[in-house]
């Protein structure tokens, strides 16, 4: 359904498909990691917040398909809903293949690590500094 929605938006509006950015928080953070692994050539940058990946779906190894995708993950150091280890494992898996990922940890912050993240102008400067060098193939 998400893929169809994205395709509808792209076909209905003037969208620069070399500048698609993916972000999500909590369950959406998990979704950001997962959707990006399904379409690793589609997004110019990915920003998962307090997310992770489930071993049932092949994580953390599955994330290695994102080796060339700029990723900036965020997580609260005191998160008791989604453990910090969930983000750390995926960033570490990308580091093992020299991926382009970094993790910002907010010491003492619990699950709401998105408020600080989305209020940070550096995030948007970082996102907008990335663009694909090709137009991604559309799926129909």
N, C-alpha and C. Protein backbone atom coordinates (compact mmCIF):
# COMPACT_ATOMS: atom_id res chain seq x y z
N UNK A 1 0.83 -1.20 0.00
CA UNK A 1 0.00 0.00 0.00
C UNK A 1 0.88 1.26 0.00
N UNK A 2 1.95 1.24 0.78
CA UNK A 2 2.84 2.40 0.83
C UNK A 2 3.50 2.63 -0.52
N UNK A 3 3.92 1.55 -1.16
CA UNK A 3 4.55 1.67 -2.46
C UNK A 3 3.57 2.25 -3.48
N UNK A 4 2.33 1.80 -3.44
CA UNK A 4 1.32 2.32 -4.37
C UNK A 4 1.04 3.80 -4.11
N UNK A 5 1.00 4.18 -2.83
CA UNK A 5 0.80 5.59 -2.49
C UNK A 5 1.95 6.43 -3.04
N UNK A 6 3.17 5.99 -2.85
CA UNK A 6 4.32 6.74 -3.37
C UNK A 6 4.24 6.85 -4.89
N UNK A 7 3.89 5.77 -5.56
CA UNK A 7 3.78 5.81 -7.02
C UNK A 7 2.68 6.78 -7.46
N UNK A 8 1.57 6.80 -6.74
CA UNK A 8 0.48 7.73 -7.07
C UNK A 8 0.93 9.18 -6.90
N UNK A 9 1.65 9.46 -5.84
CA UNK A 9 2.14 10.82 -5.61
C UNK A 9 3.12 11.23 -6.72
N UNK A 10 4.03 10.32 -7.06
CA UNK A 10 5.02 10.61 -8.11
C UNK A 10 4.34 10.85 -9.45
N UNK A 11 3.31 10.08 -9.76
CA UNK A 11 2.65 10.24 -11.06
C UNK A 11 1.67 11.42 -11.08
N UNK A 12 1.25 11.90 -9.92
CA UNK A 12 0.27 12.99 -9.86
C UNK A 12 0.88 14.37 -9.67
N UNK A 13 2.10 14.43 -9.18
CA UNK A 13 2.72 15.71 -8.87
C UNK A 13 4.12 15.79 -9.48
N UNK A 14 4.61 17.02 -9.58
CA UNK A 14 5.96 17.22 -10.08
C UNK A 14 6.93 16.90 -8.95
N UNK A 15 7.48 15.71 -8.97
CA UNK A 15 8.36 15.22 -7.92
C UNK A 15 9.74 14.96 -8.51
N UNK A 16 10.75 15.48 -7.87
CA UNK A 16 12.12 15.17 -8.27
C UNK A 16 12.47 13.82 -7.64
N UNK A 17 12.40 12.77 -8.41
CA UNK A 17 12.62 11.42 -7.88
C UNK A 17 14.08 11.14 -7.54
N UNK A 18 14.96 12.06 -7.85
CA UNK A 18 16.34 11.90 -7.39
C UNK A 18 16.51 12.42 -5.97
N UNK A 19 15.44 13.01 -5.43
CA UNK A 19 15.49 13.60 -4.09
C UNK A 19 14.35 13.08 -3.21
N UNK A 20 14.16 11.78 -3.21
CA UNK A 20 13.19 11.17 -2.30
C UNK A 20 13.91 10.81 -1.02
N UNK A 21 13.33 11.22 0.12
CA UNK A 21 13.92 10.96 1.43
C UNK A 21 12.93 10.15 2.25
N UNK A 22 13.45 9.23 3.02
CA UNK A 22 12.60 8.34 3.81
C UNK A 22 12.93 8.50 5.28
N UNK A 23 11.91 8.71 6.09
CA UNK A 23 12.07 8.81 7.53
C UNK A 23 10.85 8.23 8.22
N UNK A 24 11.04 7.84 9.45
CA UNK A 24 9.94 7.34 10.25
C UNK A 24 10.42 7.17 11.68
N UNK A 25 9.46 7.13 12.60
CA UNK A 25 9.83 7.02 14.01
C UNK A 25 9.11 5.85 14.66
N UNK A 26 9.80 5.20 15.57
CA UNK A 26 9.30 4.05 16.32
C UNK A 26 8.94 2.93 15.33
N UNK A 27 7.68 2.53 15.25
CA UNK A 27 7.34 1.50 14.26
C UNK A 27 7.68 1.99 12.85
N UNK A 28 7.53 3.29 12.63
CA UNK A 28 7.91 3.88 11.36
C UNK A 28 9.41 3.87 11.14
N UNK A 29 10.17 3.86 12.23
CA UNK A 29 11.62 3.69 12.13
C UNK A 29 11.96 2.29 11.63
N UNK A 30 11.26 1.29 12.18
CA UNK A 30 11.39 -0.07 11.66
C UNK A 30 10.98 -0.10 10.19
N UNK A 31 9.86 0.55 9.90
CA UNK A 31 9.37 0.59 8.52
C UNK A 31 10.34 1.28 7.57
N UNK A 32 11.00 2.33 8.04
CA UNK A 32 11.98 3.03 7.20
C UNK A 32 13.13 2.11 6.82
N UNK A 33 13.67 1.42 7.81
CA UNK A 33 14.74 0.46 7.52
C UNK A 33 14.25 -0.59 6.53
N UNK A 34 13.07 -1.13 6.78
CA UNK A 34 12.57 -2.24 5.96
C UNK A 34 12.24 -1.79 4.53
N UNK A 35 11.51 -0.70 4.40
CA UNK A 35 11.13 -0.21 3.06
C UNK A 35 12.37 0.15 2.26
N UNK A 36 13.36 0.73 2.92
CA UNK A 36 14.61 1.06 2.22
C UNK A 36 15.32 -0.19 1.72
N UNK A 37 15.28 -1.29 2.49
CA UNK A 37 15.94 -2.52 2.02
C UNK A 37 15.22 -3.14 0.84
N UNK A 38 13.93 -2.88 0.71
CA UNK A 38 13.17 -3.38 -0.44
C UNK A 38 13.50 -2.56 -1.68
N UNK A 39 13.73 -1.27 -1.49
CA UNK A 39 14.02 -0.36 -2.61
C UNK A 39 15.31 0.43 -2.34
N UNK A 40 16.45 -0.24 -2.30
CA UNK A 40 17.69 0.46 -1.93
C UNK A 40 18.15 1.49 -2.95
N UNK A 41 17.62 1.46 -4.16
CA UNK A 41 18.03 2.42 -5.20
C UNK A 41 17.08 3.61 -5.28
N UNK A 42 16.03 3.64 -4.47
CA UNK A 42 14.98 4.65 -4.60
C UNK A 42 15.24 5.93 -3.80
N UNK A 43 15.89 5.83 -2.66
CA UNK A 43 15.95 6.96 -1.75
C UNK A 43 17.33 7.61 -1.73
N UNK A 44 17.32 8.93 -1.72
CA UNK A 44 18.58 9.69 -1.68
C UNK A 44 19.19 9.65 -0.29
N UNK A 45 18.35 9.50 0.73
CA UNK A 45 18.83 9.41 2.12
C UNK A 45 17.70 8.84 2.97
N UNK A 46 18.09 8.21 4.07
CA UNK A 46 17.13 7.58 4.97
C UNK A 46 17.45 8.00 6.40
N UNK A 47 16.40 8.35 7.14
CA UNK A 47 16.55 8.78 8.54
C UNK A 47 15.59 8.00 9.43
N UNK A 48 15.99 6.83 9.89
CA UNK A 48 15.15 6.08 10.83
C UNK A 48 15.37 6.60 12.26
N UNK A 49 14.28 6.74 12.99
CA UNK A 49 14.35 7.25 14.36
C UNK A 49 13.78 6.19 15.30
N UNK A 50 14.56 5.83 16.29
CA UNK A 50 14.21 4.80 17.28
C UNK A 50 13.56 3.58 16.64
N UNK A 51 14.22 3.07 15.61
CA UNK A 51 13.72 1.89 14.90
C UNK A 51 14.72 0.75 14.98
N UNK A 52 14.51 -0.23 14.14
CA UNK A 52 15.39 -1.39 14.10
C UNK A 52 14.90 -2.35 13.04
N UNK A 53 15.34 -3.60 13.14
CA UNK A 53 14.93 -4.64 12.21
C UNK A 53 14.81 -5.95 12.94
N UNK A 54 13.82 -6.74 12.56
CA UNK A 54 13.56 -8.01 13.23
C UNK A 54 14.37 -9.15 12.61
N UNK A 55 15.00 -9.98 13.44
CA UNK A 55 15.76 -11.12 12.93
C UNK A 55 14.92 -12.03 12.02
N UNK A 56 13.63 -12.12 12.29
CA UNK A 56 12.72 -12.93 11.46
C UNK A 56 12.80 -12.52 9.98
N UNK A 57 13.05 -11.24 9.73
CA UNK A 57 13.14 -10.72 8.36
C UNK A 57 14.58 -10.63 7.86
N UNK A 58 15.51 -11.19 8.60
CA UNK A 58 16.89 -11.23 8.13
C UNK A 58 17.79 -10.12 8.63
N UNK A 59 17.34 -9.38 9.61
CA UNK A 59 18.16 -8.32 10.18
C UNK A 59 19.05 -8.88 11.28
N UNK A 60 20.21 -8.34 11.49
CA UNK A 60 20.73 -7.10 10.91
C UNK A 60 21.38 -7.26 9.54
N UNK A 61 21.68 -8.48 9.10
CA UNK A 61 22.42 -8.67 7.84
C UNK A 61 21.70 -8.06 6.64
N UNK A 62 20.37 -8.11 6.63
CA UNK A 62 19.60 -7.62 5.48
C UNK A 62 19.91 -6.16 5.14
N UNK A 63 20.27 -5.38 6.15
CA UNK A 63 20.50 -3.96 5.97
C UNK A 63 21.72 -3.69 5.09
N UNK A 64 22.54 -4.68 4.86
CA UNK A 64 23.75 -4.46 4.06
C UNK A 64 23.47 -4.06 2.62
N UNK A 65 22.25 -4.28 2.13
CA UNK A 65 21.90 -3.80 0.78
C UNK A 65 21.86 -2.28 0.73
N UNK A 66 21.87 -1.64 1.90
CA UNK A 66 21.85 -0.18 1.97
C UNK A 66 23.25 0.42 2.08
N UNK A 67 24.25 -0.36 1.77
CA UNK A 67 25.64 0.04 1.90
C UNK A 67 25.93 1.42 1.29
N UNK A 68 25.32 1.71 0.15
CA UNK A 68 25.61 2.95 -0.55
C UNK A 68 24.58 4.05 -0.31
N UNK A 69 23.62 3.81 0.56
CA UNK A 69 22.58 4.79 0.86
C UNK A 69 22.98 5.59 2.10
N UNK A 70 22.99 6.91 2.02
CA UNK A 70 23.28 7.70 3.21
C UNK A 70 22.19 7.51 4.26
N UNK A 71 22.60 7.12 5.45
CA UNK A 71 21.65 6.87 6.54
C UNK A 71 22.15 7.59 7.78
N UNK A 72 21.22 8.31 8.40
CA UNK A 72 21.49 8.95 9.68
C UNK A 72 20.38 8.50 10.63
N UNK A 73 20.72 7.60 11.53
CA UNK A 73 19.76 7.06 12.49
C UNK A 73 19.87 7.82 13.80
N UNK A 74 18.77 7.87 14.53
CA UNK A 74 18.71 8.57 15.82
C UNK A 74 18.03 7.65 16.83
N UNK A 75 18.47 7.76 18.08
CA UNK A 75 17.88 6.93 19.13
C UNK A 75 18.13 7.55 20.49
N UNK A 76 17.16 7.43 21.36
CA UNK A 76 17.33 7.87 22.75
C UNK A 76 18.13 6.85 23.53
N UNK A 77 19.11 7.30 24.28
CA UNK A 77 19.96 6.40 25.04
C UNK A 77 19.24 5.69 26.17
N UNK A 78 18.11 6.25 26.62
CA UNK A 78 17.34 5.64 27.72
C UNK A 78 15.99 5.11 27.23
N UNK A 79 15.91 4.82 25.93
CA UNK A 79 14.65 4.33 25.34
C UNK A 79 14.29 2.98 25.96
N UNK A 80 13.11 2.90 26.60
CA UNK A 80 12.66 1.64 27.18
C UNK A 80 11.55 1.00 26.36
N UNK A 81 11.24 1.56 25.19
CA UNK A 81 10.25 0.99 24.29
C UNK A 81 10.95 0.21 23.18
N UNK A 82 11.86 0.88 22.49
CA UNK A 82 12.71 0.24 21.47
C UNK A 82 14.14 0.39 21.97
N UNK A 83 14.80 -0.71 22.30
CA UNK A 83 16.15 -0.60 22.84
C UNK A 83 17.12 0.03 21.85
N UNK A 84 18.03 0.83 22.37
CA UNK A 84 19.08 1.44 21.56
C UNK A 84 19.81 0.39 20.72
N UNK A 85 19.96 -0.81 21.25
CA UNK A 85 20.65 -1.89 20.52
C UNK A 85 20.00 -2.18 19.17
N UNK A 86 18.70 -1.88 19.01
CA UNK A 86 18.02 -2.14 17.74
C UNK A 86 18.60 -1.27 16.62
N UNK A 87 18.82 0.01 16.90
CA UNK A 87 19.45 0.89 15.90
C UNK A 87 20.93 0.58 15.77
N UNK A 88 21.58 0.36 16.90
CA UNK A 88 23.03 0.12 16.91
C UNK A 88 23.39 -1.10 16.06
N UNK A 89 22.61 -2.16 16.14
CA UNK A 89 22.90 -3.38 15.38
C UNK A 89 22.88 -3.13 13.88
N UNK A 90 21.95 -2.31 13.42
CA UNK A 90 21.85 -2.06 11.98
C UNK A 90 22.96 -1.13 11.50
N UNK A 91 23.28 -0.12 12.28
CA UNK A 91 24.38 0.77 11.92
C UNK A 91 25.70 -0.01 11.94
N UNK A 92 25.87 -0.90 12.93
CA UNK A 92 27.07 -1.73 12.99
C UNK A 92 27.17 -2.66 11.79
N UNK A 93 26.03 -3.23 11.36
CA UNK A 93 26.03 -4.12 10.19
C UNK A 93 26.45 -3.35 8.94
N UNK A 94 26.06 -2.09 8.84
CA UNK A 94 26.50 -1.28 7.71
C UNK A 94 27.97 -0.91 7.81
N UNK A 95 28.44 -0.68 9.02
CA UNK A 95 29.87 -0.38 9.21
C UNK A 95 30.73 -1.56 8.76
N UNK A 96 30.24 -2.77 8.96
CA UNK A 96 30.99 -3.96 8.56
C UNK A 96 31.23 -4.03 7.06
N UNK A 97 30.36 -3.37 6.27
CA UNK A 97 30.53 -3.37 4.81
C UNK A 97 30.88 -1.98 4.30
N UNK A 98 31.45 -1.16 5.20
CA UNK A 98 31.84 0.21 4.86
C UNK A 98 30.68 1.04 4.34
N UNK A 99 29.52 0.85 4.94
CA UNK A 99 28.33 1.60 4.56
C UNK A 99 28.41 3.06 5.00
N UNK A 100 27.46 3.82 4.51
CA UNK A 100 27.42 5.26 4.76
C UNK A 100 26.34 5.54 5.81
N UNK A 101 26.56 5.09 7.04
CA UNK A 101 25.56 5.26 8.10
C UNK A 101 26.20 5.84 9.35
N UNK A 102 25.39 6.60 10.04
CA UNK A 102 25.82 7.13 11.33
C UNK A 102 24.64 7.08 12.29
N UNK A 103 24.95 7.09 13.56
CA UNK A 103 23.94 7.00 14.61
C UNK A 103 24.17 8.11 15.62
N UNK A 104 23.13 8.89 15.86
CA UNK A 104 23.17 9.89 16.92
C UNK A 104 22.36 9.35 18.09
N UNK A 105 22.99 9.33 19.25
CA UNK A 105 22.34 8.85 20.47
C UNK A 105 22.14 10.06 21.38
N UNK A 106 20.92 10.21 21.86
CA UNK A 106 20.61 11.28 22.80
C UNK A 106 20.69 10.70 24.22
N UNK A 107 21.76 11.00 24.95
CA UNK A 107 21.90 10.47 26.32
C UNK A 107 20.74 10.92 27.20
N UNK A 108 20.21 9.97 27.96
CA UNK A 108 19.13 10.26 28.90
C UNK A 108 17.75 10.42 28.28
N UNK A 109 17.66 10.41 26.96
CA UNK A 109 16.36 10.58 26.29
C UNK A 109 15.69 9.21 26.17
N UNK A 110 14.40 9.19 26.47
CA UNK A 110 13.65 7.94 26.38
C UNK A 110 13.17 7.75 24.94
N UNK A 111 11.95 7.32 24.74
CA UNK A 111 11.48 6.94 23.41
C UNK A 111 11.31 8.13 22.46
N UNK A 112 10.95 9.28 22.99
CA UNK A 112 10.72 10.44 22.12
C UNK A 112 12.04 11.08 21.69
N UNK A 113 12.70 10.41 20.77
CA UNK A 113 13.91 10.99 20.19
C UNK A 113 13.61 11.75 18.90
N UNK A 114 12.37 11.73 18.45
CA UNK A 114 11.99 12.40 17.21
C UNK A 114 11.82 13.90 17.38
N UNK A 115 11.42 14.36 18.56
CA UNK A 115 11.22 15.80 18.73
C UNK A 115 12.53 16.55 18.50
N UNK A 116 13.60 16.09 19.14
CA UNK A 116 14.91 16.74 18.93
C UNK A 116 15.40 16.56 17.50
N UNK A 117 15.17 15.38 16.96
CA UNK A 117 15.66 15.09 15.61
C UNK A 117 15.01 16.00 14.58
N UNK A 118 13.68 16.05 14.57
CA UNK A 118 12.98 16.84 13.56
C UNK A 118 13.12 18.35 13.79
N UNK A 119 13.53 18.76 14.99
CA UNK A 119 13.76 20.18 15.26
C UNK A 119 15.18 20.62 14.89
N UNK A 120 16.01 19.68 14.48
CA UNK A 120 17.41 19.96 14.20
C UNK A 120 17.60 20.38 12.74
N UNK A 121 17.93 21.65 12.47
CA UNK A 121 18.11 22.08 11.08
C UNK A 121 19.25 21.34 10.37
N UNK A 122 20.21 20.82 11.12
CA UNK A 122 21.30 20.07 10.48
C UNK A 122 20.78 18.82 9.77
N UNK A 123 19.71 18.24 10.29
CA UNK A 123 19.12 17.07 9.64
C UNK A 123 18.69 17.41 8.22
N UNK A 124 18.02 18.53 8.06
CA UNK A 124 17.51 18.90 6.74
C UNK A 124 18.63 19.32 5.80
N UNK A 125 19.63 20.00 6.32
CA UNK A 125 20.81 20.31 5.50
C UNK A 125 21.46 19.02 5.02
N UNK A 126 21.58 18.05 5.92
CA UNK A 126 22.18 16.76 5.56
C UNK A 126 21.33 16.05 4.51
N UNK A 127 20.02 15.96 4.75
CA UNK A 127 19.14 15.29 3.78
C UNK A 127 19.28 15.92 2.40
N UNK A 128 19.10 17.26 2.36
CA UNK A 128 19.06 17.94 1.07
C UNK A 128 20.42 17.99 0.39
N UNK A 129 21.46 17.60 1.09
CA UNK A 129 22.78 17.53 0.46
C UNK A 129 22.93 16.25 -0.36
N UNK A 130 21.95 15.36 -0.28
CA UNK A 130 22.01 14.08 -0.99
C UNK A 130 20.97 14.02 -2.10
N UNK A 131 21.41 13.51 -3.22
CA UNK A 131 20.52 13.26 -4.35
C UNK A 131 21.04 12.04 -5.09
N UNK A 132 20.14 11.31 -5.69
CA UNK A 132 20.57 10.17 -6.51
C UNK A 132 21.18 10.68 -7.80
N UNK A 133 22.11 9.95 -8.33
CA UNK A 133 22.73 10.34 -9.60
C UNK A 133 21.94 9.80 -10.79
N UNK A 134 20.85 9.11 -10.50
CA UNK A 134 19.99 8.52 -11.54
C UNK A 134 18.55 8.60 -11.09
N UNK A 135 17.65 8.54 -12.05
CA UNK A 135 16.24 8.45 -11.72
C UNK A 135 15.94 6.99 -11.42
N UNK A 136 15.35 6.71 -10.24
CA UNK A 136 15.05 5.32 -9.92
C UNK A 136 13.94 4.77 -10.81
N UNK A 137 14.01 3.49 -11.06
CA UNK A 137 12.96 2.83 -11.83
C UNK A 137 11.67 2.86 -11.02
N UNK A 138 10.57 3.07 -11.68
CA UNK A 138 9.28 3.06 -10.98
C UNK A 138 8.72 1.66 -11.02
N UNK A 139 8.02 1.31 -9.98
CA UNK A 139 7.37 0.00 -9.96
C UNK A 139 5.89 0.18 -10.23
N UNK A 140 5.34 -0.68 -10.97
CA UNK A 140 3.92 -0.60 -11.31
C UNK A 140 3.22 -1.87 -10.92
